[in-house]
Protein backbone atom coordinates (compact mmCIF):
# COMPACT_ATOMS: atom_id res chain seq x y z
CA MET A 1 15.57 4.98 27.12
CA MET A 2 17.79 2.52 25.23
CA GLN A 3 20.60 0.69 27.02
CA SER A 4 22.90 -2.09 25.93
CA LEU A 5 22.50 -5.23 28.02
CA ALA A 6 26.10 -5.09 29.25
CA LEU A 7 25.50 -1.59 30.66
CA ALA A 8 21.98 -2.24 31.97
CA LEU A 9 22.82 -5.59 33.62
CA PRO A 10 26.51 -5.52 34.57
CA GLY A 11 26.06 -8.34 37.09
CA ASP A 12 24.66 -10.85 34.57
CA PRO A 13 27.53 -12.76 32.88
CA ALA A 14 25.12 -14.40 30.42
CA VAL A 15 24.70 -11.14 28.49
CA SER A 16 28.16 -9.60 28.94
CA THR A 17 29.18 -10.37 25.35
CA ASN A 18 25.85 -9.61 23.63
CA GLY A 19 26.57 -7.12 20.92
CA ASP A 20 23.36 -5.63 19.53
CA GLU A 21 20.53 -6.57 21.92
CA TYR A 22 19.29 -3.72 24.09
CA LEU A 23 16.68 -2.76 26.66
CA PHE A 24 14.07 -0.24 25.58
CA GLY A 25 12.75 1.20 28.82
CA PRO A 26 12.67 -1.04 31.90
CA ASP A 27 10.62 -3.93 30.49
CA LEU A 28 11.37 -4.51 26.79
CA LEU A 29 14.34 -6.36 25.30
CA VAL A 30 14.92 -5.86 21.58
CA ALA A 31 17.01 -8.12 19.35
CA PRO A 32 17.56 -6.34 16.00
CA VAL A 33 17.20 -8.20 12.70
CA HIS A 34 19.70 -7.37 9.96
CA SER A 35 18.38 -9.38 7.01
CA GLU A 36 14.98 -10.68 5.93
CA GLY A 37 14.00 -14.06 7.33
CA GLU A 38 17.01 -14.13 9.61
CA THR A 39 17.45 -16.82 12.26
CA ARG A 40 19.63 -15.47 15.00
CA GLY A 41 21.04 -16.67 18.28
CA LEU A 42 19.90 -14.90 21.40
CA VAL A 43 20.91 -15.09 25.05
CA LEU A 44 18.30 -13.57 27.34
CA PRO A 45 19.19 -12.17 30.78
CA ARG A 46 18.36 -14.22 33.86
CA GLY A 47 14.65 -14.62 34.67
CA ARG A 48 11.49 -15.26 32.66
CA TRP A 49 10.92 -13.48 29.32
CA THR A 50 7.81 -13.45 27.13
CA ASN A 51 7.83 -13.04 23.36
CA LEU A 52 5.78 -9.90 22.68
CA TRP A 53 4.33 -11.27 19.44
CA ASP A 54 3.31 -14.85 20.24
CA GLY A 55 3.41 -15.07 24.05
CA THR A 56 6.06 -17.81 24.20
CA VAL A 57 7.78 -17.90 27.60
CA LEU A 58 11.56 -18.42 27.70
CA GLN A 59 14.00 -18.79 30.57
CA GLY A 60 17.00 -16.48 30.56
CA GLY A 61 20.63 -17.53 30.66
CA LEU A 62 20.33 -19.99 27.75
CA MET A 63 21.06 -19.63 24.06
CA VAL A 64 17.90 -19.79 21.93
CA LYS A 65 17.34 -19.54 18.18
CA ILE A 66 14.83 -16.92 17.00
CA HIS A 67 13.45 -16.66 13.47
CA ALA A 68 12.20 -13.21 12.48
CA ALA A 69 11.04 -11.24 9.47
CA LEU A 70 11.98 -7.60 8.97
CA ASP A 71 8.45 -6.57 9.99
CA GLY A 72 8.58 -8.62 13.20
CA ILE A 73 11.71 -7.71 15.14
CA PRO A 74 12.12 -10.00 18.18
CA VAL A 75 10.92 -8.17 21.31
CA PHE A 76 10.63 -9.73 24.76
CA LEU A 77 8.83 -8.64 27.91
CA ARG A 78 10.50 -8.99 31.28
CA SER A 79 8.75 -10.91 34.07
CA GLY A 80 6.51 -8.42 35.87
CA ALA A 81 6.37 -6.06 32.87
CA LEU A 82 3.78 -3.26 33.04
CA LEU A 83 3.51 -1.66 29.61
CA PRO A 84 0.93 1.11 28.94
CA LEU A 85 -0.12 1.07 25.28
CA THR A 86 -2.53 2.64 22.83
CA LEU A 87 -4.00 -0.18 20.76
CA PRO A 88 -6.37 -0.34 17.78
CA ALA A 89 -9.98 -1.35 18.27
CA SER A 90 -8.99 -4.97 17.53
CA LEU A 91 -6.53 -4.83 20.49
CA ARG A 92 -3.96 -6.53 18.25
CA LEU A 93 -0.40 -5.25 18.03
CA GLY A 94 0.68 -3.84 14.69
CA GLU A 95 -2.78 -3.23 13.19
CA THR A 96 -4.13 0.10 11.97
CA MET A 97 -5.72 2.54 14.41
CA THR A 98 -7.92 4.15 11.75
CA PRO A 99 -11.19 2.65 13.13
CA GLY A 100 -10.34 3.91 16.63
CA SER A 101 -8.05 3.16 19.56
CA PHE A 102 -8.08 2.36 23.29
CA GLY A 103 -5.75 2.76 26.23
CA ALA A 104 -4.49 -0.60 27.46
CA LEU A 105 -2.01 -2.11 29.89
CA LEU A 106 0.01 -5.16 28.88
CA ALA A 107 1.28 -7.13 31.90
CA THR A 108 3.30 -10.28 32.48
CA PRO A 109 3.23 -12.36 35.71
CA PRO A 110 5.77 -11.04 38.22
CA GLU A 111 8.15 -13.32 40.08
CA ALA A 112 8.11 -11.02 43.13
CA ALA A 113 6.14 -8.05 44.43
CA GLY A 114 7.37 -4.49 44.60
CA ARG A 115 7.72 -3.38 40.96
CA SER A 116 5.73 -0.34 39.89
CA ARG A 117 5.57 2.10 37.00
CA GLN A 118 4.47 5.72 36.75
CA LEU A 119 3.24 7.51 33.64
CA ARG A 120 2.43 11.21 33.47
CA ARG A 121 -0.54 11.98 31.22
CA ASP A 122 -1.70 15.60 30.96
CA ALA A 123 -1.97 16.80 34.59
CA GLU A 124 -2.30 13.32 36.12
CA THR A 125 0.29 10.72 37.08
CA SER A 126 -0.93 7.16 36.65
CA GLU A 127 0.66 4.35 38.62
CA TYR A 128 0.74 0.63 37.86
CA SER A 129 2.03 -2.19 40.07
CA GLY A 130 1.96 -5.97 40.05
CA GLU A 131 2.40 -8.79 42.52
CA PRO A 132 2.15 -12.58 42.48
CA VAL A 133 -0.80 -14.26 44.23
CA ALA A 134 -1.79 -17.91 44.65
CA ASN A 135 -2.43 -19.41 41.18
CA GLY A 136 -1.91 -16.12 39.33
CA PHE A 137 -1.05 -12.47 39.72
CA ARG A 138 -2.59 -9.11 40.60
CA VAL A 139 -2.24 -5.75 38.83
CA ILE A 140 -3.17 -2.50 40.59
CA LEU A 141 -4.02 0.62 38.57
CA SER A 142 -4.17 4.05 40.20
CA ALA A 143 -5.33 7.26 38.48
CA ALA A 144 -5.63 5.44 35.15
CA PRO A 145 -9.24 5.84 33.92
CA HIS A 146 -7.94 6.00 30.33
CA VAL A 147 -6.87 2.33 30.56
CA ARG A 148 -9.92 0.47 29.25
CA PHE A 149 -8.31 -2.95 28.80
CA ALA A 150 -5.74 -5.02 30.69
CA ILE A 151 -4.00 -7.76 28.71
CA ALA A 152 -1.95 -10.55 30.27
CA ALA A 153 0.89 -12.28 28.44
CA GLY A 154 3.29 -15.02 29.46
CA MET A 155 0.94 -17.10 31.61
CA GLU A 156 2.21 -20.69 31.50
CA ARG A 157 -1.24 -22.05 32.44
CA ALA A 158 -4.57 -20.88 31.00
CA ALA A 159 -6.50 -18.26 32.95
CA ALA A 160 -9.69 -19.60 34.52
CA LYS A 161 -10.95 -16.68 36.58
CA VAL A 162 -10.63 -12.88 36.74
CA ALA A 163 -11.67 -10.72 39.68
CA LEU A 164 -11.98 -6.95 39.81
CA ASP A 165 -11.67 -5.38 43.27
CA GLY A 166 -12.28 -8.80 44.80
CA VAL A 167 -15.41 -9.62 42.78
CA GLU A 168 -15.31 -12.24 40.03
CA ILE A 169 -16.33 -10.82 36.65
CA PRO A 170 -18.01 -12.72 33.78
CA HIS A 171 -16.20 -14.57 31.00
CA LEU A 172 -17.37 -12.97 27.73
CA THR A 173 -17.12 -13.82 24.06
CA GLU A 174 -14.72 -11.73 21.97
CA ALA A 175 -17.70 -10.03 20.30
CA GLN A 176 -19.10 -8.91 23.66
CA ILE A 177 -15.84 -7.39 24.90
CA SER A 178 -16.04 -4.40 22.52
CA ALA A 179 -18.94 -2.95 24.53
CA PRO A 180 -20.19 -3.05 28.13
CA PRO A 181 -20.46 -4.88 30.45
CA VAL A 182 -17.16 -5.33 32.24
CA GLY A 183 -15.75 -8.84 31.67
CA TRP A 184 -12.90 -10.85 30.22
CA TYR A 185 -12.11 -13.27 27.41
CA ILE A 186 -9.23 -15.31 25.95
CA THR A 187 -7.73 -14.38 22.58
CA GLU A 188 -6.76 -16.89 19.89
CA ASP A 189 -3.16 -16.76 21.14
CA GLN A 190 -4.34 -17.50 24.72
CA ARG A 191 -3.95 -14.03 26.23
CA PRO A 192 -6.58 -12.98 28.80
CA VAL A 193 -8.10 -9.58 27.96
CA VAL A 194 -10.04 -7.71 30.67
CA ARG A 195 -12.46 -4.88 29.87
CA LEU A 196 -12.28 -2.34 32.70
CA PRO A 197 -14.62 0.32 34.07
CA GLN A 198 -13.33 3.89 34.16
CA ASN A 199 -12.44 3.84 37.85
CA VAL A 200 -9.75 5.90 39.57
CA LYS A 201 -8.22 2.83 41.22
CA GLN A 202 -8.80 -0.86 40.64
CA HIS A 203 -7.31 -4.23 41.51
CA ILE A 204 -7.29 -6.87 38.75
CA GLU A 205 -6.55 -10.47 39.73
CA ILE A 206 -6.02 -13.12 37.05
CA SER A 207 -5.81 -16.71 38.25
CA THR A 208 -5.60 -20.17 36.73
CA ARG A 209 -8.28 -21.66 39.00
């Protein structure tokens, strides 16, 4: 569902005069580009926002300048975003899915607990939730065996450890992550990627130490 920022966030004076930015669903903010190579001003709502494409973290309430090409519209993830995706085998946004695809969950660190998302898939309803923990954050997946990878964005410090259901899992190379065993690695743009087993429910904890 698309909503203008003024309608979606009536209590936030920082975005009351924004003309063309809008929320797409609960977690994505889109800032349209009207000409190629445009540099545009942007005021984000209050809170922490993560650039979907490069992982840059910005604080809301301030004017920022964003440069964008027509094939890279500025999109930002809200703090605590839980975004189910189908990604290509490379797990990179915007690439072809011809070689194959995987279910994934893209998550940003939440500032508070209590946010959750539900997604109905065939006869099942999957549920995702997130909460902050010491030195990181936790994501809980329920009834989501189709989600094979969890990807974190917007971490201001590098991930140092990942635990699955309370047990630390190995740090793998990018080549190893495309096949078993379960493990995690860091992409070139510093996003932790976790390969998951096909469990009905699992707790993923990503921490910086």
